[in-house]
Amino acid sequence: MSLKEFKIGLVELYQGEVIGEVLFSRMLERYSSADQQYKLGTLLQLETEAKARLRPALMQLGLDLIELDESRNQGNDFYQTFEGMDWEAAMGHLATVVKPFVQRYRQIAELAPPEYQQLANSMVVHEQSIQDAAEFEAAGDGDRSMDDVVKQLIFPLPKQV
């Protein structure tokens, strides 16, 4: 991958986190149990921290930190697809929605220049953990769904009791 192609991919990663932030923030409006709020808040925190991790590389490469309205709109569009779904159905749907992002993040990581390999790989782990969490939740295995997500957080949310 040329540096130019990686820059395009890095911007995709960043905008993907914007999409995720909007989606999880909006989902907090729909799913209101303490457990659901904790899990969605934790996913929202993961997206926010990932954006922060990406910003130094964006700046180093002379790329914009602007969060595009198009990305916010896409997050809102994804949110609309959850209309009328109960929690388990929504989590199954989330796993499906995230899957193409996991695949794209892998493509970016596979071809990242050496100095950005660790960052790119961390984004694959990040996105895969969202898909895995959603799959656990959809299967009714919510006790461990957030384990891999929480491991990545610098500022984990307190679990509600």
C-alpha atoms as a PDB file:
ATOM      1  CA  MET A   1       0.000   0.000   0.000  1.00  0.00           C
ATOM      2  CA  SER A   2       1.370   3.359  -0.889  1.00  0.00           C
ATOM      3  CA  LEU A   3       1.463   6.088   1.713  1.00  0.00           C
ATOM      4  CA  LYS A   4      -1.273   7.853  -0.240  1.00  0.00           C
ATOM      5  CA  GLU A   5      -3.511   4.767  -0.007  1.00  0.00           C
ATOM      6  CA  PHE A   6      -2.779   4.402   3.698  1.00  0.00           C
ATOM      7  CA  LYS A   7      -3.727   8.020   4.291  1.00  0.00           C
ATOM      8  CA  ILE A   8      -7.089   7.342   2.646  1.00  0.00           C
ATOM      9  CA  GLY A   9      -7.478   4.267   4.860  1.00  0.00           C
ATOM     10  CA  LEU A  10      -6.528   6.183   7.989  1.00  0.00           C
ATOM     11  CA  VAL A  11      -9.199   8.768   7.264  1.00  0.00           C
ATOM     12  CA  GLU A  12     -11.674   5.889   6.774  1.00  0.00           C
ATOM     13  CA  LEU A  13     -10.728   4.525  10.185  1.00  0.00           C
ATOM     14  CA  TYR A  14     -11.261   7.908  11.786  1.00  0.00           C
ATOM     15  CA  GLN A  15     -14.591   8.525  10.085  1.00  0.00           C
ATOM     16  CA  GLY A  16     -15.651   4.982  10.991  1.00  0.00           C
ATOM     17  CA  GLU A  17     -15.243   5.921  14.637  1.00  0.00           C
ATOM     18  CA  VAL A  18     -17.403   8.998  14.091  1.00  0.00           C
ATOM     19  CA  ILE A  19     -20.084   6.731  12.613  1.00  0.00           C
ATOM     20  CA  GLY A  20     -19.819   4.420  15.614  1.00  0.00           C
ATOM     21  CA  GLU A  21     -20.029   7.245  18.122  1.00  0.00           C
ATOM     22  CA  VAL A  22     -23.242   8.527  16.571  1.00  0.00           C
ATOM     23  CA  LEU A  23     -24.718   5.027  16.390  1.00  0.00           C
ATOM     24  CA  PHE A  24     -23.978   4.103  19.999  1.00  0.00           C
ATOM     25  CA  SER A  25     -24.984   7.505  21.307  1.00  0.00           C
ATOM     26  CA  ARG A  26     -28.326   7.218  19.531  1.00  0.00           C
ATOM     27  CA  MET A  27     -28.799   3.625  20.691  1.00  0.00           C
ATOM     28  CA  LEU A  28     -28.559   4.891  24.266  1.00  0.00           C
ATOM     29  CA  GLU A  29     -31.912   6.593  23.567  1.00  0.00           C
ATOM     30  CA  ARG A  30     -33.584   3.317  22.627  1.00  0.00           C
ATOM     31  CA  TYR A  31     -32.204   0.721  25.062  1.00  0.00           C
ATOM     32  CA  SER A  32     -32.625   1.842  28.631  1.00  0.00           C
ATOM     33  CA  SER A  33     -31.891  -0.923  31.127  1.00  0.00           C
ATOM     34  CA  ALA A  34     -28.855  -0.280  33.322  1.00  0.00           C
ATOM     35  CA  ASP A  35     -27.034  -3.204  31.698  1.00  0.00           C
ATOM     36  CA  GLN A  36     -27.792  -1.984  28.181  1.00  0.00           C
ATOM     37  CA  GLN A  37     -26.779   1.564  29.072  1.00  0.00           C
ATOM     38  CA  TYR A  38     -23.473   0.323  30.480  1.00  0.00           C
ATOM     39  CA  LYS A  39     -22.748  -1.794  27.413  1.00  0.00           C
ATOM     40  CA  LEU A  40     -23.687   0.896  24.905  1.00  0.00           C
ATOM     41  CA  GLY A  41     -21.806   3.498  26.934  1.00  0.00           C
ATOM     42  CA  THR A  42     -18.771   1.214  26.941  1.00  0.00           C
ATOM     43  CA  LEU A  43     -18.980   0.827  23.152  1.00  0.00           C
ATOM     44  CA  LEU A  44     -19.356   4.606  22.836  1.00  0.00           C
ATOM     45  CA  GLN A  45     -16.273   5.055  25.029  1.00  0.00           C
ATOM     46  CA  LEU A  46     -14.352   2.616  22.824  1.00  0.00           C
ATOM     47  CA  GLU A  47     -15.200   4.664  19.732  1.00  0.00           C
ATOM     48  CA  THR A  48     -14.208   7.926  21.416  1.00  0.00           C
ATOM     49  CA  GLU A  49     -10.878   6.567  22.651  1.00  0.00           C
ATOM     50  CA  ALA A  50     -10.127   5.077  19.222  1.00  0.00           C
ATOM     51  CA  LYS A  51     -10.632   8.472  17.597  1.00  0.00           C
ATOM     52  CA  ALA A  52      -8.198   9.964  20.095  1.00  0.00           C
ATOM     53  CA  ARG A  53      -5.627   7.246  19.291  1.00  0.00           C
ATOM     54  CA  LEU A  54      -5.904   8.007  15.577  1.00  0.00           C
ATOM     55  CA  ARG A  55      -5.527  11.793  15.820  1.00  0.00           C
ATOM     56  CA  PRO A  56      -1.730  11.929  16.293  1.00  0.00           C
ATOM     57  CA  ALA A  57      -1.182   9.861  13.138  1.00  0.00           C
ATOM     58  CA  LEU A  58      -3.664  11.998  11.223  1.00  0.00           C
ATOM     59  CA  MET A  59      -1.831  15.142  12.295  1.00  0.00           C
ATOM     60  CA  GLN A  60       1.580  13.615  11.568  1.00  0.00           C
ATOM     61  CA  LEU A  61       0.444  12.826   8.026  1.00  0.00           C
ATOM     62  CA  GLY A  62      -1.138  16.243   7.468  1.00  0.00           C
ATOM     63  CA  LEU A  63      -4.708  14.935   7.435  1.00  0.00           C
ATOM     64  CA  ASP A  64      -7.859  16.649   8.677  1.00  0.00           C
ATOM     65  CA  LEU A  65      -9.307  15.984  12.094  1.00  0.00           C
ATOM     66  CA  ILE A  66     -12.702  17.141  10.885  1.00  0.00           C
ATOM     67  CA  GLU A  67     -15.565  14.815  11.729  1.00  0.00           C
ATOM     68  CA  LEU A  68     -17.579  14.802   8.542  1.00  0.00           C
ATOM     69  CA  ASP A  69     -21.327  15.401   8.514  1.00  0.00           C
ATOM     70  CA  GLU A  70     -21.511  12.532   6.031  1.00  0.00           C
ATOM     71  CA  SER A  71     -20.122  10.204   8.709  1.00  0.00           C
ATOM     72  CA  ARG A  72     -22.559  11.497  11.314  1.00  0.00           C
ATOM     73  CA  ASN A  73     -25.397  11.018   8.836  1.00  0.00           C
ATOM     74  CA  GLN A  74     -24.264   7.459   8.168  1.00  0.00           C
ATOM     75  CA  GLY A  75     -24.303   6.769  11.920  1.00  0.00           C
ATOM     76  CA  ASN A  76     -27.849   8.111  12.090  1.00  0.00           C
ATOM     77  CA  ASP A  77     -28.828   6.022   9.066  1.00  0.00           C
ATOM     78  CA  PHE A  78     -27.467   2.889  10.743  1.00  0.00           C
ATOM     79  CA  TYR A  79     -29.400   3.800  13.898  1.00  0.00           C
ATOM     80  CA  GLN A  80     -32.647   3.923  11.931  1.00  0.00           C
ATOM     81  CA  THR A  81     -32.143   0.302  10.858  1.00  0.00           C
ATOM     82  CA  PHE A  82     -32.553  -0.779  14.505  1.00  0.00           C
ATOM     83  CA  GLU A  83     -36.162   0.471  14.642  1.00  0.00           C
ATOM     84  CA  GLY A  84     -38.450  -1.905  16.510  1.00  0.00           C
ATOM     85  CA  MET A  85     -35.745  -4.432  17.430  1.00  0.00           C
ATOM     86  CA  ASP A  86     -35.449  -5.886  20.889  1.00  0.00           C
ATOM     87  CA  TRP A  87     -31.980  -6.032  22.442  1.00  0.00           C
ATOM     88  CA  GLU A  88     -30.913  -9.451  21.177  1.00  0.00           C
ATOM     89  CA  ALA A  89     -32.159  -8.748  17.646  1.00  0.00           C
ATOM     90  CA  ALA A  90     -30.413  -5.378  17.707  1.00  0.00           C
ATOM     91  CA  MET A  91     -27.162  -6.981  18.785  1.00  0.00           C
ATOM     92  CA  GLY A  92     -27.418  -9.553  15.998  1.00  0.00           C
ATOM     93  CA  HIS A  93     -28.019  -6.711  13.582  1.00  0.00           C
ATOM     94  CA  LEU A  94     -25.074  -4.766  15.020  1.00  0.00           C
ATOM     95  CA  ALA A  95     -22.779  -7.733  14.387  1.00  0.00           C
ATOM     96  CA  THR A  96     -23.916  -7.692  10.756  1.00  0.00           C
ATOM     97  CA  VAL A  97     -23.494  -3.916  10.433  1.00  0.00           C
ATOM     98  CA  VAL A  98     -19.957  -4.029  11.887  1.00  0.00           C
ATOM     99  CA  LYS A  99     -18.729  -6.990   9.810  1.00  0.00           C
ATOM    100  CA  PRO A 100     -17.816  -4.954   6.675  1.00  0.00           C
ATOM    101  CA  PHE A 101     -15.933  -2.483   8.878  1.00  0.00           C
ATOM    102  CA  VAL A 102     -13.901  -5.342  10.397  1.00  0.00           C
ATOM    103  CA  GLN A 103     -13.033  -6.563   6.907  1.00  0.00           C
ATOM    104  CA  ARG A 104     -12.054  -3.095   5.714  1.00  0.00           C
ATOM    105  CA  TYR A 105      -9.987  -2.401   8.837  1.00  0.00           C
ATOM    106  CA  ARG A 106      -8.105  -5.663   8.198  1.00  0.00           C
ATOM    107  CA  GLN A 107      -7.338  -4.578   4.635  1.00  0.00           C
ATOM    108  CA  ILE A 108      -5.956  -1.283   5.879  1.00  0.00           C
ATOM    109  CA  ALA A 109      -3.862  -2.989   8.579  1.00  0.00           C
ATOM    110  CA  GLU A 110      -2.426  -5.591   6.224  1.00  0.00           C
ATOM    111  CA  LEU A 111      -0.920  -2.922   4.036  1.00  0.00           C
ATOM    112  CA  ALA A 112      -0.047  -0.253   6.606  1.00  0.00           C
ATOM    113  CA  PRO A 113       3.512   1.109   6.553  1.00  0.00           C
ATOM    114  CA  PRO A 114       5.649  -0.343   9.378  1.00  0.00           C
ATOM    115  CA  GLU A 115       5.516   2.816  11.494  1.00  0.00           C
ATOM    116  CA  TYR A 116       1.695   2.643  11.528  1.00  0.00           C
ATOM    117  CA  GLN A 117       1.296  -1.138  11.768  1.00  0.00           C
ATOM    118  CA  GLN A 118       0.672  -1.221  15.521  1.00  0.00           C
ATOM    119  CA  LEU A 119      -1.970   1.492  15.285  1.00  0.00           C
ATOM    120  CA  ALA A 120      -3.675  -0.161  12.324  1.00  0.00           C
ATOM    121  CA  ASN A 121      -3.645  -3.563  14.048  1.00  0.00           C
ATOM    122  CA  SER A 122      -5.148  -2.016  17.179  1.00  0.00           C
ATOM    123  CA  MET A 123      -8.036  -0.792  15.062  1.00  0.00           C
ATOM    124  CA  VAL A 124      -8.700  -4.320  13.802  1.00  0.00           C
ATOM    125  CA  VAL A 125      -8.772  -5.585  17.398  1.00  0.00           C
ATOM    126  CA  HIS A 126     -11.032  -2.665  18.271  1.00  0.00           C
ATOM    127  CA  GLU A 127     -13.564  -3.346  15.533  1.00  0.00           C
ATOM    128  CA  GLN A 128     -13.479  -7.123  15.983  1.00  0.00           C
ATOM    129  CA  SER A 129     -14.219  -6.664  19.683  1.00  0.00           C
ATOM    130  CA  ILE A 130     -17.400  -4.769  18.796  1.00  0.00           C
ATOM    131  CA  GLN A 131     -18.526  -7.544  16.464  1.00  0.00           C
ATOM    132  CA  ASP A 132     -17.691 -10.196  19.072  1.00  0.00           C
ATOM    133  CA  ALA A 133     -19.521  -8.302  21.828  1.00  0.00           C
ATOM    134  CA  ALA A 134     -22.605  -7.990  19.644  1.00  0.00           C
ATOM    135  CA  GLU A 135     -22.489 -11.690  18.784  1.00  0.00           C
ATOM    136  CA  PHE A 136     -22.233 -12.632  22.475  1.00  0.00           C
ATOM    137  CA  GLU A 137     -25.175 -10.377  23.298  1.00  0.00           C
ATOM    138  CA  ALA A 138     -27.272 -11.736  20.435  1.00  0.00           C
ATOM    139  CA  ALA A 139     -26.610 -15.267  21.683  1.00  0.00           C
ATOM    140  CA  GLY A 140     -27.717 -14.306  25.201  1.00  0.00           C
ATOM    141  CA  ASP A 141     -24.172 -14.507  26.581  1.00  0.00           C
ATOM    142  CA  GLY A 142     -23.964 -10.985  27.949  1.00  0.00           C
ATOM    143  CA  ASP A 143     -21.837 -11.769  31.005  1.00  0.00           C
ATOM    144  CA  ARG A 144     -18.596 -11.692  29.028  1.00  0.00           C
ATOM    145  CA  SER A 145     -19.603  -9.630  26.014  1.00  0.00           C
ATOM    146  CA  MET A 146     -17.708  -6.503  27.067  1.00  0.00           C
ATOM    147  CA  ASP A 147     -14.515  -8.188  28.316  1.00  0.00           C
ATOM    148  CA  ASP A 148     -12.424  -7.577  25.178  1.00  0.00           C
ATOM    149  CA  VAL A 149     -13.870  -4.092  24.769  1.00  0.00           C
ATOM    150  CA  VAL A 150     -13.066  -3.018  28.332  1.00  0.00           C
ATOM    151  CA  LYS A 151      -9.481  -4.340  28.028  1.00  0.00           C
ATOM    152  CA  GLN A 152      -8.817  -1.673  25.391  1.00  0.00           C
ATOM    153  CA  LEU A 153     -10.127   1.277  27.365  1.00  0.00           C
ATOM    154  CA  ILE A 154      -7.954   3.780  29.140  1.00  0.00           C
ATOM    155  CA  PHE A 155     -11.037   5.282  30.817  1.00  0.00           C
ATOM    156  CA  PRO A 156     -13.487   2.407  31.403  1.00  0.00           C
ATOM    157  CA  LEU A 157     -16.960   3.255  32.588  1.00  0.00           C
ATOM    158  CA  PRO A 158     -18.071   2.118  36.026  1.00  0.00           C
ATOM    159  CA  LYS A 159     -20.307  -0.916  35.810  1.00  0.00           C
ATOM    160  CA  GLN A 160     -23.827  -0.233  37.042  1.00  0.00           C
ATOM    161  CA  VAL A 161     -25.050  -2.369  39.935  1.00  0.00           C
END
